[in-house]
C-alpha cells in the first residue's frame, strides 16, 4: 500500500547541508503495523513526516527517491492534492499533544473544524456543526474519554497528558484514514498510561483496519504492538524484519545494543544496564562507511571505508552489515549467545 524507495532528504541550514535521510527503503502492507526504531537524530521522524511532506519547504530538499501510495508518487503531487491526502488517506499523531492542540479552542471545536474542512476539500457536501459534534462525541467514546458530552467543551489544559493523547488519536482517526503515523505517541507518559495508549491503538487498528507506522525508541512498546520493525541509524535502515527477526534473530550490532539497553524481567535490580558508548554521526558530514563503525566493537577497516550493501537473510529479514560478509573473521551475531 505504501512504499518508500531510496528516499534521501536534506535540510539546508546555516551549518551546512544536513543529510537527515540517506537512502531509506520501507514497505507498509494493508492492515499492518510497522515500527521504526532508533535513537534521537537517526532520521525516523524525518522519514515519517516526509510521507506527508510536513517539513519547511524553504529549507527541505527531497533529493532522491519515491514515496508511493498505491503506486502514486506523493513527492510529485501538488500541495492542493496533498491537502486532500493529509487526514483522509494518511493521518499523524505527534509526540507532544500539548503543543499540537490549540490552547485557545475547545478540543471539540478543533476536531469539528478538521471534519468540516476535509468534507469541503473532498468535494462533498459540508456537514453541519451538529452532525460534526455528534461524530466527535462518538470519537471520544471510541478512545474511551470519560464524559464525552461534557468534555467536548473543555480546553486542552483541562486534560491530563494521557487524555490529551487520546484526543489526538480521536482527531487523527476523525476522517477514517487508511494509514496512521504515530510519532512517539507514548513519550512523557507514565508506564501505566503508556500501556493504555498502546492497547487503545491496537484495538482501533483492529476495528478500523488501518495500517500504522509507529515511531519509537521504546523496544518494549514495539514488541507489544508491531508486526514488522525497521531499525534506523545515521539516516539509514540498518536492519529490518518481523518482530521475531529483530528480537531473536538480529544481525546488526546496533540492534543488539538497543535490545541490551532494555531492562529484562527476572534480572537483579542492581544489575547495570548495557549502554552504547559514543555519539551518533554528524550528518552534516556523514561517514563514508558504516555510520555505526565508530561505536561498534566489531568494526573492521572496511566498515570505516565502505558502506555495506543490504543483505537479504530471508524474505522478510534484511541487514546492512559487513559482519555478514563471507570473509568476516567474526561469527554472525545470531550464532552467538544473546
C-alpha atoms as a PDB file:
ATOM      1  CA  UNK A   1       0.000   0.000   0.000  1.00  0.00           C
ATOM      2  CA  UNK A   2       2.798   2.430   0.911  1.00  0.00           C
ATOM      3  CA  UNK A   3       6.358   2.041  -0.322  1.00  0.00           C
ATOM      4  CA  UNK A   4       9.368   4.290   0.282  1.00  0.00           C
ATOM      5  CA  UNK A   5      12.136   3.789  -2.293  1.00  0.00           C
ATOM      6  CA  UNK A   6      15.697   5.104  -1.872  1.00  0.00           C
ATOM      7  CA  UNK A   7      14.458   8.234  -0.101  1.00  0.00           C
ATOM      8  CA  UNK A   8      17.070  10.937   0.508  1.00  0.00           C
ATOM      9  CA  UNK A   9      16.095  14.080   2.423  1.00  0.00           C
ATOM     10  CA  UNK A  10      18.382  17.006   3.287  1.00  0.00           C
ATOM     11  CA  UNK A  11      17.903  20.196   5.303  1.00  0.00           C
ATOM     12  CA  UNK A  12      19.832  23.298   4.284  1.00  0.00           C
ATOM     13  CA  UNK A  13      20.888  25.074   7.478  1.00  0.00           C
ATOM     14  CA  UNK A  14      23.424  27.733   8.466  1.00  0.00           C
ATOM     15  CA  UNK A  15      25.744  24.852   9.475  1.00  0.00           C
ATOM     16  CA  UNK A  16      25.501  23.320   6.008  1.00  0.00           C
ATOM     17  CA  UNK A  17      23.513  20.508   4.393  1.00  0.00           C
ATOM     18  CA  UNK A  18      22.178  18.038   6.965  1.00  0.00           C
ATOM     19  CA  UNK A  19      21.719  14.693   5.189  1.00  0.00           C
ATOM     20  CA  UNK A  20      18.962  13.508   7.532  1.00  0.00           C
ATOM     21  CA  UNK A  21      17.769  10.567   5.396  1.00  0.00           C
ATOM     22  CA  UNK A  22      20.313   8.903   3.109  1.00  0.00           C
ATOM     23  CA  UNK A  23      18.538   6.195   1.122  1.00  0.00           C
ATOM     24  CA  UNK A  24      15.666   4.609   3.037  1.00  0.00           C
ATOM     25  CA  UNK A  25      13.592   1.706   1.730  1.00  0.00           C
ATOM     26  CA  UNK A  26      10.403   0.686   3.558  1.00  0.00           C
ATOM     27  CA  UNK A  27       7.165  -1.120   2.746  1.00  0.00           C
ATOM     28  CA  UNK A  28       3.837  -0.976   4.576  1.00  0.00           C
ATOM     29  CA  UNK A  29       1.197  -3.571   3.771  1.00  0.00           C
ATOM     30  CA  UNK A  30      -2.553  -3.151   4.150  1.00  0.00           C
ATOM     31  CA  UNK A  31      -3.599  -3.622   7.797  1.00  0.00           C
ATOM     32  CA  UNK A  32      -0.001  -3.901   9.024  1.00  0.00           C
ATOM     33  CA  UNK A  33       1.745  -2.221  11.983  1.00  0.00           C
ATOM     34  CA  UNK A  34       5.318  -1.172  11.168  1.00  0.00           C
ATOM     35  CA  UNK A  35       7.595   0.241  13.875  1.00  0.00           C
ATOM     36  CA  UNK A  36      10.593   2.447  13.075  1.00  0.00           C
ATOM     37  CA  UNK A  37      13.067   2.457  15.960  1.00  0.00           C
ATOM     38  CA  UNK A  38      16.350   4.161  16.763  1.00  0.00           C
ATOM     39  CA  UNK A  39      17.833   6.872  18.952  1.00  0.00           C
ATOM     40  CA  UNK A  40      17.218  10.611  18.508  1.00  0.00           C
ATOM     41  CA  UNK A  41      18.628  12.035  15.281  1.00  0.00           C
ATOM     42  CA  UNK A  42      18.633   8.744  13.354  1.00  0.00           C
ATOM     43  CA  UNK A  43      16.093  10.007  10.780  1.00  0.00           C
ATOM     44  CA  UNK A  44      12.987   8.063  11.795  1.00  0.00           C
ATOM     45  CA  UNK A  45      10.705  11.104  12.327  1.00  0.00           C
ATOM     46  CA  UNK A  46      12.061  12.823   9.200  1.00  0.00           C
ATOM     47  CA  UNK A  47      11.231   9.708   7.175  1.00  0.00           C
ATOM     48  CA  UNK A  48       7.678   9.528   8.548  1.00  0.00           C
ATOM     49  CA  UNK A  49       6.983  13.253   8.170  1.00  0.00           C
ATOM     50  CA  UNK A  50       8.288  13.143   4.592  1.00  0.00           C
ATOM     51  CA  UNK A  51       5.323  10.901   3.710  1.00  0.00           C
ATOM     52  CA  UNK A  52       3.024  13.877   4.398  1.00  0.00           C
ATOM     53  CA  UNK A  53       5.630  16.491   3.351  1.00  0.00           C
ATOM     54  CA  UNK A  54       5.350  18.357   6.641  1.00  0.00           C
ATOM     55  CA  UNK A  55       8.814  19.928   6.529  1.00  0.00           C
ATOM     56  CA  UNK A  56       9.532  23.592   5.828  1.00  0.00           C
ATOM     57  CA  UNK A  57       9.853  23.775   2.006  1.00  0.00           C
ATOM     58  CA  UNK A  58      12.273  26.718   2.311  1.00  0.00           C
ATOM     59  CA  UNK A  59      14.957  24.528   3.871  1.00  0.00           C
ATOM     60  CA  UNK A  60      13.979  20.985   2.830  1.00  0.00           C
ATOM     61  CA  UNK A  61      15.172  19.155  -0.269  1.00  0.00           C
ATOM     62  CA  UNK A  62      13.830  15.764  -1.299  1.00  0.00           C
ATOM     63  CA  UNK A  63      16.975  14.815  -3.198  1.00  0.00           C
ATOM     64  CA  UNK A  64      16.131  11.362  -4.467  1.00  0.00           C
ATOM     65  CA  UNK A  65      13.638   8.559  -4.181  1.00  0.00           C
ATOM     66  CA  UNK A  66       9.918   7.976  -4.262  1.00  0.00           C
ATOM     67  CA  UNK A  67       7.092   7.703  -1.739  1.00  0.00           C
ATOM     68  CA  UNK A  68       4.437   5.563  -3.407  1.00  0.00           C
ATOM     69  CA  UNK A  69       0.842   5.351  -2.189  1.00  0.00           C
ATOM     70  CA  UNK A  70      -0.974   2.758  -4.301  1.00  0.00           C
ATOM     71  CA  UNK A  71       1.725   3.319  -6.933  1.00  0.00           C
ATOM     72  CA  UNK A  72       1.293   7.128  -6.973  1.00  0.00           C
ATOM     73  CA  UNK A  73       4.435   9.147  -6.094  1.00  0.00           C
ATOM     74  CA  UNK A  74       3.436  11.613  -3.343  1.00  0.00           C
ATOM     75  CA  UNK A  75       6.569  13.722  -3.925  1.00  0.00           C
ATOM     76  CA  UNK A  76       5.244  14.682  -7.370  1.00  0.00           C
ATOM     77  CA  UNK A  77       1.830  15.867  -6.171  1.00  0.00           C
ATOM     78  CA  UNK A  78       0.794  19.500  -5.768  1.00  0.00           C
ATOM     79  CA  UNK A  79       0.212  20.970  -2.325  1.00  0.00           C
ATOM     80  CA  UNK A  80      -3.536  21.085  -3.041  1.00  0.00           C
ATOM     81  CA  UNK A  81      -3.557  17.371  -3.833  1.00  0.00           C
ATOM     82  CA  UNK A  82      -1.511  16.635  -0.700  1.00  0.00           C
ATOM     83  CA  UNK A  83      -4.093  18.549   1.369  1.00  0.00           C
ATOM     84  CA  UNK A  84      -6.687  16.022   0.230  1.00  0.00           C
ATOM     85  CA  UNK A  85      -4.426  13.114   1.248  1.00  0.00           C
ATOM     86  CA  UNK A  86      -3.472  14.535   4.669  1.00  0.00           C
ATOM     87  CA  UNK A  87      -6.038  13.391   7.205  1.00  0.00           C
ATOM     88  CA  UNK A  88      -8.205  11.498   4.721  1.00  0.00           C
ATOM     89  CA  UNK A  89      -5.710   8.928   3.405  1.00  0.00           C
ATOM     90  CA  UNK A  90      -2.829   9.392   5.866  1.00  0.00           C
ATOM     91  CA  UNK A  91      -3.054  10.957   9.308  1.00  0.00           C
ATOM     92  CA  UNK A  92      -0.493  11.635  12.030  1.00  0.00           C
ATOM     93  CA  UNK A  93      -0.292  11.690  15.827  1.00  0.00           C
ATOM     94  CA  UNK A  94       2.521  13.910  17.093  1.00  0.00           C
ATOM     95  CA  UNK A  95       4.572  13.188  20.195  1.00  0.00           C
ATOM     96  CA  UNK A  96       3.596  16.246  22.261  1.00  0.00           C
ATOM     97  CA  UNK A  97      -0.205  16.708  22.300  1.00  0.00           C
ATOM     98  CA  UNK A  98       0.023  19.930  24.332  1.00  0.00           C
ATOM     99  CA  UNK A  99       1.885  21.722  21.543  1.00  0.00           C
ATOM    100  CA  UNK A 100      -0.215  20.060  18.813  1.00  0.00           C
ATOM    101  CA  UNK A 101      -3.562  21.237  20.233  1.00  0.00           C
ATOM    102  CA  UNK A 102      -4.671  24.868  20.045  1.00  0.00           C
ATOM    103  CA  UNK A 103      -4.877  26.138  23.662  1.00  0.00           C
ATOM    104  CA  UNK A 104      -7.428  28.852  22.732  1.00  0.00           C
ATOM    105  CA  UNK A 105     -10.048  26.456  21.311  1.00  0.00           C
ATOM    106  CA  UNK A 106     -12.095  23.724  22.923  1.00  0.00           C
ATOM    107  CA  UNK A 107     -10.990  20.243  21.879  1.00  0.00           C
ATOM    108  CA  UNK A 108     -14.418  19.614  20.376  1.00  0.00           C
ATOM    109  CA  UNK A 109     -14.225  22.653  18.094  1.00  0.00           C
ATOM    110  CA  UNK A 110     -10.749  21.643  16.925  1.00  0.00           C
ATOM    111  CA  UNK A 111     -11.955  18.251  15.711  1.00  0.00           C
ATOM    112  CA  UNK A 112     -15.200  19.714  14.309  1.00  0.00           C
ATOM    113  CA  UNK A 113     -13.038  22.070  12.246  1.00  0.00           C
ATOM    114  CA  UNK A 114     -10.997  19.121  10.942  1.00  0.00           C
ATOM    115  CA  UNK A 115     -14.128  17.183   9.938  1.00  0.00           C
ATOM    116  CA  UNK A 116     -15.827  20.094   8.159  1.00  0.00           C
ATOM    117  CA  UNK A 117     -12.660  21.198   6.351  1.00  0.00           C
ATOM    118  CA  UNK A 118     -11.950  17.718   4.996  1.00  0.00           C
ATOM    119  CA  UNK A 119     -15.519  17.284   3.806  1.00  0.00           C
ATOM    120  CA  UNK A 120     -15.170  20.559   1.899  1.00  0.00           C
ATOM    121  CA  UNK A 121     -11.754  19.624   0.413  1.00  0.00           C
ATOM    122  CA  UNK A 122     -13.016  16.224  -0.732  1.00  0.00           C
ATOM    123  CA  UNK A 123     -15.728  17.922  -2.797  1.00  0.00           C
ATOM    124  CA  UNK A 124     -18.601  16.545  -0.775  1.00  0.00           C
ATOM    125  CA  UNK A 125     -21.364  18.428   0.973  1.00  0.00           C
ATOM    126  CA  UNK A 126     -20.075  20.226   4.031  1.00  0.00           C
ATOM    127  CA  UNK A 127     -21.519  18.578   7.144  1.00  0.00           C
ATOM    128  CA  UNK A 128     -23.353  20.713   9.679  1.00  0.00           C
ATOM    129  CA  UNK A 129     -21.834  21.627  13.044  1.00  0.00           C
ATOM    130  CA  UNK A 130     -24.464  19.482  14.771  1.00  0.00           C
ATOM    131  CA  UNK A 131     -23.542  16.405  12.704  1.00  0.00           C
ATOM    132  CA  UNK A 132     -19.829  17.061  13.268  1.00  0.00           C
ATOM    133  CA  UNK A 133     -20.382  17.482  17.011  1.00  0.00           C
ATOM    134  CA  UNK A 134     -22.206  14.146  17.225  1.00  0.00           C
ATOM    135  CA  UNK A 135     -19.368  12.482  15.360  1.00  0.00           C
ATOM    136  CA  UNK A 136     -16.795  13.991  17.761  1.00  0.00           C
ATOM    137  CA  UNK A 137     -18.719  12.601  20.737  1.00  0.00           C
ATOM    138  CA  UNK A 138     -18.646   9.160  19.086  1.00  0.00           C
ATOM    139  CA  UNK A 139     -14.890   9.532  18.526  1.00  0.00           C
ATOM    140  CA  UNK A 140     -14.359  10.453  22.193  1.00  0.00           C
ATOM    141  CA  UNK A 141     -16.335   7.358  23.214  1.00  0.00           C
ATOM    142  CA  UNK A 142     -14.190   5.273  20.849  1.00  0.00           C
ATOM    143  CA  UNK A 143     -10.960   6.472  22.529  1.00  0.00           C
ATOM    144  CA  UNK A 144     -12.555   5.941  25.956  1.00  0.00           C
ATOM    145  CA  UNK A 145     -12.537   9.556  27.075  1.00  0.00           C
ATOM    146  CA  UNK A 146     -14.813   9.880  30.134  1.00  0.00           C
ATOM    147  CA  UNK A 147     -17.967  12.074  29.957  1.00  0.00           C
ATOM    148  CA  UNK A 148     -17.556  12.916  26.247  1.00  0.00           C
ATOM    149  CA  UNK A 149     -20.752  15.019  26.086  1.00  0.00           C
ATOM    150  CA  UNK A 150     -19.314  17.398  28.707  1.00  0.00           C
ATOM    151  CA  UNK A 151     -15.579  17.162  27.894  1.00  0.00           C
ATOM    152  CA  UNK A 152     -16.162  18.172  24.276  1.00  0.00           C
ATOM    153  CA  UNK A 153     -16.450  21.762  25.598  1.00  0.00           C
ATOM    154  CA  UNK A 154     -13.191  21.624  27.591  1.00  0.00           C
ATOM    155  CA  UNK A 155      -9.840  23.187  26.681  1.00  0.00           C
ATOM    156  CA  UNK A 156      -6.557  21.220  26.277  1.00  0.00           C
ATOM    157  CA  UNK A 157      -5.107  22.359  29.622  1.00  0.00           C
ATOM    158  CA  UNK A 158      -8.080  20.797  31.440  1.00  0.00           C
ATOM    159  CA  UNK A 159      -6.981  17.273  30.456  1.00  0.00           C
ATOM    160  CA  UNK A 160      -4.168  15.012  31.683  1.00  0.00           C
ATOM    161  CA  UNK A 161      -1.327  14.021  29.342  1.00  0.00           C
ATOM    162  CA  UNK A 162      -2.873  10.641  28.616  1.00  0.00           C
ATOM    163  CA  UNK A 163      -6.283  12.183  27.917  1.00  0.00           C
ATOM    164  CA  UNK A 164      -4.730  14.723  25.533  1.00  0.00           C
ATOM    165  CA  UNK A 165      -3.062  11.890  23.652  1.00  0.00           C
ATOM    166  CA  UNK A 166      -6.462  10.150  23.366  1.00  0.00           C
ATOM    167  CA  UNK A 167      -7.860  13.386  21.908  1.00  0.00           C
ATOM    168  CA  UNK A 168      -5.017  13.443  19.368  1.00  0.00           C
ATOM    169  CA  UNK A 169      -5.830   9.847  18.405  1.00  0.00           C
ATOM    170  CA  UNK A 170      -9.511  10.803  18.002  1.00  0.00           C
ATOM    171  CA  UNK A 171      -8.512  13.763  15.797  1.00  0.00           C
ATOM    172  CA  UNK A 172      -6.214  11.576  13.694  1.00  0.00           C
ATOM    173  CA  UNK A 173      -8.956   8.960  13.214  1.00  0.00           C
ATOM    174  CA  UNK A 174     -11.716  11.514  12.526  1.00  0.00           C
ATOM    175  CA  UNK A 175     -11.559  11.114   8.752  1.00  0.00           C
ATOM    176  CA  UNK A 176     -11.008   7.338   8.894  1.00  0.00           C
ATOM    177  CA  UNK A 177      -7.519   7.349   7.318  1.00  0.00           C
ATOM    178  CA  UNK A 178      -6.058   4.267   5.723  1.00  0.00           C
ATOM    179  CA  UNK A 179      -2.652   4.933   7.286  1.00  0.00           C
ATOM    180  CA  UNK A 180      -1.938   6.316  10.752  1.00  0.00           C
ATOM    181  CA  UNK A 181       1.553   7.608  11.584  1.00  0.00           C
ATOM    182  CA  UNK A 182       2.205   7.741  15.343  1.00  0.00           C
ATOM    183  CA  UNK A 183       5.352   9.715  16.206  1.00  0.00           C
ATOM    184  CA  UNK A 184       6.445   8.690  19.732  1.00  0.00           C
ATOM    185  CA  UNK A 185       2.797   8.513  20.935  1.00  0.00           C
ATOM    186  CA  UNK A 186       3.731   7.490  24.492  1.00  0.00           C
ATOM    187  CA  UNK A 187       6.531   9.992  25.155  1.00  0.00           C
ATOM    188  CA  UNK A 188       6.358  11.720  28.590  1.00  0.00           C
ATOM    189  CA  UNK A 189       3.506   9.477  29.780  1.00  0.00           C
ATOM    190  CA  UNK A 190       3.823   7.231  32.825  1.00  0.00           C
ATOM    191  CA  UNK A 191       4.162   3.487  32.272  1.00  0.00           C
ATOM    192  CA  UNK A 192       0.525   2.652  33.071  1.00  0.00           C
ATOM    193  CA  UNK A 193      -0.821   5.283  30.667  1.00  0.00           C
ATOM    194  CA  UNK A 194       1.689   4.199  28.002  1.00  0.00           C
ATOM    195  CA  UNK A 195       0.292   0.676  28.155  1.00  0.00           C
ATOM    196  CA  UNK A 196      -3.275   2.024  27.873  1.00  0.00           C
ATOM    197  CA  UNK A 197      -2.417   4.118  24.786  1.00  0.00           C
ATOM    198  CA  UNK A 198      -0.664   1.179  23.094  1.00  0.00           C
ATOM    199  CA  UNK A 199      -3.636  -1.097  23.830  1.00  0.00           C
ATOM    200  CA  UNK A 200      -6.040   1.545  22.507  1.00  0.00           C
ATOM    201  CA  UNK A 201      -4.092   1.856  19.249  1.00  0.00           C
ATOM    202  CA  UNK A 202      -4.108  -1.928  18.793  1.00  0.00           C
ATOM    203  CA  UNK A 203      -7.871  -2.106  19.353  1.00  0.00           C
ATOM    204  CA  UNK A 204      -8.576   0.768  16.966  1.00  0.00           C
ATOM    205  CA  UNK A 205      -6.337  -0.759  14.303  1.00  0.00           C
ATOM    206  CA  UNK A 206      -8.319  -3.994  14.510  1.00  0.00           C
ATOM    207  CA  UNK A 207     -11.662  -2.172  14.364  1.00  0.00           C
ATOM    208  CA  UNK A 208     -10.780   0.231  11.534  1.00  0.00           C
ATOM    209  CA  UNK A 209      -8.368  -1.932   9.539  1.00  0.00           C
ATOM    210  CA  UNK A 210      -5.952   0.999   9.233  1.00  0.00           C
ATOM    211  CA  UNK A 211      -2.237   0.440   8.777  1.00  0.00           C
ATOM    212  CA  UNK A 212       0.057   2.050  11.359  1.00  0.00           C
ATOM    213  CA  UNK A 213       3.603   3.389  11.217  1.00  0.00           C
ATOM    214  CA  UNK A 214       4.829   3.795  14.791  1.00  0.00           C
ATOM    215  CA  UNK A 215       7.970   5.828  15.518  1.00  0.00           C
ATOM    216  CA  UNK A 216       9.585   4.864  18.812  1.00  0.00           C
ATOM    217  CA  UNK A 217      12.749   4.308  20.828  1.00  0.00           C
ATOM    218  CA  UNK A 218      10.854   2.086  23.291  1.00  0.00           C
ATOM    219  CA  UNK A 219      11.605  -1.508  22.319  1.00  0.00           C
ATOM    220  CA  UNK A 220       9.081  -2.797  24.870  1.00  0.00           C
ATOM    221  CA  UNK A 221       6.238  -0.861  23.238  1.00  0.00           C
ATOM    222  CA  UNK A 222       7.392  -2.027  19.810  1.00  0.00           C
ATOM    223  CA  UNK A 223       7.346  -5.675  20.890  1.00  0.00           C
ATOM    224  CA  UNK A 224       3.744  -5.358  22.092  1.00  0.00           C
ATOM    225  CA  UNK A 225       2.245  -3.660  19.030  1.00  0.00           C
ATOM    226  CA  UNK A 226       4.293  -4.122  15.831  1.00  0.00           C
ATOM    227  CA  UNK A 227       4.392  -6.914  13.272  1.00  0.00           C
ATOM    228  CA  UNK A 228       7.427  -5.553  11.408  1.00  0.00           C
ATOM    229  CA  UNK A 229      10.340  -3.406  12.610  1.00  0.00           C
ATOM    230  CA  UNK A 230      12.843  -1.161  10.838  1.00  0.00           C
ATOM    231  CA  UNK A 231      15.949  -0.155  12.827  1.00  0.00           C
ATOM    232  CA  UNK A 232      17.386   3.201  11.720  1.00  0.00           C
ATOM    233  CA  UNK A 233      20.802   4.707  12.404  1.00  0.00           C
ATOM    234  CA  UNK A 234      22.625   7.609  10.759  1.00  0.00           C
ATOM    235  CA  UNK A 235      19.843   8.231   8.231  1.00  0.00           C
ATOM    236  CA  UNK A 236      19.762   4.605   7.053  1.00  0.00           C
ATOM    237  CA  UNK A 237      17.731   1.481   7.774  1.00  0.00           C
ATOM    238  CA  UNK A 238      20.444  -0.829   9.124  1.00  0.00           C
ATOM    239  CA  UNK A 239      18.147  -3.804   9.804  1.00  0.00           C
ATOM    240  CA  UNK A 240      14.513  -4.670   9.128  1.00  0.00           C
ATOM    241  CA  UNK A 241      12.277  -7.672   9.531  1.00  0.00           C
ATOM    242  CA  UNK A 242       9.452  -9.176  11.521  1.00  0.00           C
ATOM    243  CA  UNK A 243       9.343  -8.635  15.298  1.00  0.00           C
ATOM    244  CA  UNK A 244      10.734 -12.178  15.715  1.00  0.00           C
ATOM    245  CA  UNK A 245      13.589 -11.430  13.271  1.00  0.00           C
ATOM    246  CA  UNK A 246      14.629  -8.275  15.129  1.00  0.00           C
ATOM    247  CA  UNK A 247      14.243  -9.552  18.695  1.00  0.00           C
ATOM    248  CA  UNK A 248      15.507 -13.125  18.275  1.00  0.00           C
ATOM    249  CA  UNK A 249      17.499 -13.315  15.017  1.00  0.00           C
ATOM    250  CA  UNK A 250      19.066  -9.848  14.800  1.00  0.00           C
ATOM    251  CA  UNK A 251      22.381  -9.491  12.985  1.00  0.00           C
ATOM    252  CA  UNK A 252      23.374  -5.828  13.352  1.00  0.00           C
ATOM    253  CA  UNK A 253      25.448  -4.744  16.390  1.00  0.00           C
ATOM    254  CA  UNK A 254      23.329  -1.591  16.750  1.00  0.00           C
ATOM    255  CA  UNK A 255      20.140  -3.662  17.002  1.00  0.00           C
ATOM    256  CA  UNK A 256      21.801  -5.766  19.685  1.00  0.00           C
ATOM    257  CA  UNK A 257      22.888  -2.606  21.517  1.00  0.00           C
ATOM    258  CA  UNK A 258      19.311  -1.311  21.578  1.00  0.00           C
ATOM    259  CA  UNK A 259      17.993  -4.603  22.939  1.00  0.00           C
ATOM    260  CA  UNK A 260      20.716  -4.905  25.586  1.00  0.00           C
ATOM    261  CA  UNK A 261      19.878  -1.441  26.907  1.00  0.00           C
ATOM    262  CA  UNK A 262      16.301  -2.524  27.766  1.00  0.00           C
ATOM    263  CA  UNK A 263      15.605  -3.874  31.301  1.00  0.00           C
ATOM    264  CA  UNK A 264      14.554  -7.529  31.241  1.00  0.00           C
ATOM    265  CA  UNK A 265      12.150  -9.248  33.597  1.00  0.00           C
ATOM    266  CA  UNK A 266      13.718 -11.525  36.188  1.00  0.00           C
ATOM    267  CA  UNK A 267      17.069  -9.724  36.330  1.00  0.00           C
ATOM    268  CA  UNK A 268      18.573  -8.465  39.566  1.00  0.00           C
ATOM    269  CA  UNK A 269      17.593  -4.894  40.408  1.00  0.00           C
ATOM    270  CA  UNK A 270      21.209  -3.862  40.960  1.00  0.00           C
ATOM    271  CA  UNK A 271      22.376  -5.161  37.585  1.00  0.00           C
ATOM    272  CA  UNK A 272      23.832  -2.379  35.452  1.00  0.00           C
ATOM    273  CA  UNK A 273      22.193  -1.848  32.061  1.00  0.00           C
ATOM    274  CA  UNK A 274      24.386  -2.046  28.983  1.00  0.00           C
ATOM    275  CA  UNK A 275      24.886   1.164  27.020  1.00  0.00           C
ATOM    276  CA  UNK A 276      26.146   2.050  23.554  1.00  0.00           C
ATOM    277  CA  UNK A 277      29.326   4.080  24.013  1.00  0.00           C
ATOM    278  CA  UNK A 278      29.971   7.133  21.846  1.00  0.00           C
ATOM    279  CA  UNK A 279      27.702   9.507  19.935  1.00  0.00           C
ATOM    280  CA  UNK A 280      25.741   9.335  16.660  1.00  0.00           C
ATOM    281  CA  UNK A 281      27.480  10.554  13.475  1.00  0.00           C
ATOM    282  CA  UNK A 282      27.375  14.171  12.302  1.00  0.00           C
ATOM    283  CA  UNK A 283      25.011  14.144   9.322  1.00  0.00           C
ATOM    284  CA  UNK A 284      26.389  17.445   8.021  1.00  0.00           C
ATOM    285  CA  UNK A 285      29.468  15.399   7.170  1.00  0.00           C
ATOM    286  CA  UNK A 286      28.329  11.753   7.371  1.00  0.00           C
ATOM    287  CA  UNK A 287      30.919   8.935   7.357  1.00  0.00           C
ATOM    288  CA  UNK A 288      31.627   7.276   4.022  1.00  0.00           C
ATOM    289  CA  UNK A 289      31.468   3.820   5.584  1.00  0.00           C
ATOM    290  CA  UNK A 290      29.024   2.273   8.037  1.00  0.00           C
ATOM    291  CA  UNK A 291      27.595   5.055  10.233  1.00  0.00           C
ATOM    292  CA  UNK A 292      27.875   2.808  13.316  1.00  0.00           C
ATOM    293  CA  UNK A 293      31.556   1.916  12.789  1.00  0.00           C
ATOM    294  CA  UNK A 294      32.956   4.350  15.391  1.00  0.00           C
ATOM    295  CA  UNK A 295      30.754   2.840  18.138  1.00  0.00           C
ATOM    296  CA  UNK A 296      30.901  -0.814  17.094  1.00  0.00           C
ATOM    297  CA  UNK A 297      33.168  -3.264  18.958  1.00  0.00           C
ATOM    298  CA  UNK A 298      33.247  -5.488  15.863  1.00  0.00           C
ATOM    299  CA  UNK A 299      34.313  -2.683  13.477  1.00  0.00           C
ATOM    300  CA  UNK A 300      36.907  -3.547  10.837  1.00  0.00           C
ATOM    301  CA  UNK A 301      38.787  -1.257   8.475  1.00  0.00           C
ATOM    302  CA  UNK A 302      36.326  -1.994   5.670  1.00  0.00           C
ATOM    303  CA  UNK A 303      33.485  -0.746   7.903  1.00  0.00           C
ATOM    304  CA  UNK A 304      35.055   2.713   8.084  1.00  0.00           C
ATOM    305  CA  UNK A 305      35.807   2.948   4.377  1.00  0.00           C
ATOM    306  CA  UNK A 306      32.826   1.386   2.601  1.00  0.00           C
ATOM    307  CA  UNK A 307      29.083   1.374   3.283  1.00  0.00           C
ATOM    308  CA  UNK A 308      27.886  -2.261   3.322  1.00  0.00           C
ATOM    309  CA  UNK A 309      25.208  -3.362   0.901  1.00  0.00           C
ATOM    310  CA  UNK A 310      21.883  -4.597   2.237  1.00  0.00           C
ATOM    311  CA  UNK A 311      21.841  -8.398   2.644  1.00  0.00           C
ATOM    312  CA  UNK A 312      18.653 -10.472   2.450  1.00  0.00           C
ATOM    313  CA  UNK A 313      18.665 -13.077   5.207  1.00  0.00           C
ATOM    314  CA  UNK A 314      15.124 -14.241   4.449  1.00  0.00           C
ATOM    315  CA  UNK A 315      12.073 -12.981   2.595  1.00  0.00           C
ATOM    316  CA  UNK A 316      11.335 -10.620   5.494  1.00  0.00           C
ATOM    317  CA  UNK A 317      14.737 -10.058   7.145  1.00  0.00           C
ATOM    318  CA  UNK A 318      17.319  -7.615   5.737  1.00  0.00           C
ATOM    319  CA  UNK A 319      20.505  -6.236   7.287  1.00  0.00           C
ATOM    320  CA  UNK A 320      23.236  -3.787   6.242  1.00  0.00           C
ATOM    321  CA  UNK A 321      26.437  -5.015   7.954  1.00  0.00           C
ATOM    322  CA  UNK A 322      29.933  -6.228   6.974  1.00  0.00           C
ATOM    323  CA  UNK A 323      29.676  -8.991   9.615  1.00  0.00           C
ATOM    324  CA  UNK A 324      27.521 -10.872   7.097  1.00  0.00           C
ATOM    325  CA  UNK A 325      30.351 -10.955   4.532  1.00  0.00           C
ATOM    326  CA  UNK A 326      31.752 -14.452   3.912  1.00  0.00           C
ATOM    327  CA  UNK A 327      35.313 -13.210   4.616  1.00  0.00           C
ATOM    328  CA  UNK A 328      34.429 -11.679   8.008  1.00  0.00           C
ATOM    329  CA  UNK A 329      36.608 -13.065  10.857  1.00  0.00           C
ATOM    330  CA  UNK A 330      33.821 -12.676  13.459  1.00  0.00           C
ATOM    331  CA  UNK A 331      30.940 -15.147  13.915  1.00  0.00           C
ATOM    332  CA  UNK A 332      27.475 -13.938  12.965  1.00  0.00           C
ATOM    333  CA  UNK A 333      25.637 -12.358  15.893  1.00  0.00           C
ATOM    334  CA  UNK A 334      22.655 -14.681  15.521  1.00  0.00           C
ATOM    335  CA  UNK A 335      25.014 -17.635  16.040  1.00  0.00           C
ATOM    336  CA  UNK A 336      26.427 -16.192  19.265  1.00  0.00           C
ATOM    337  CA  UNK A 337      24.641 -16.258  22.613  1.00  0.00           C
ATOM    338  CA  UNK A 338      22.325 -13.302  23.320  1.00  0.00           C
END
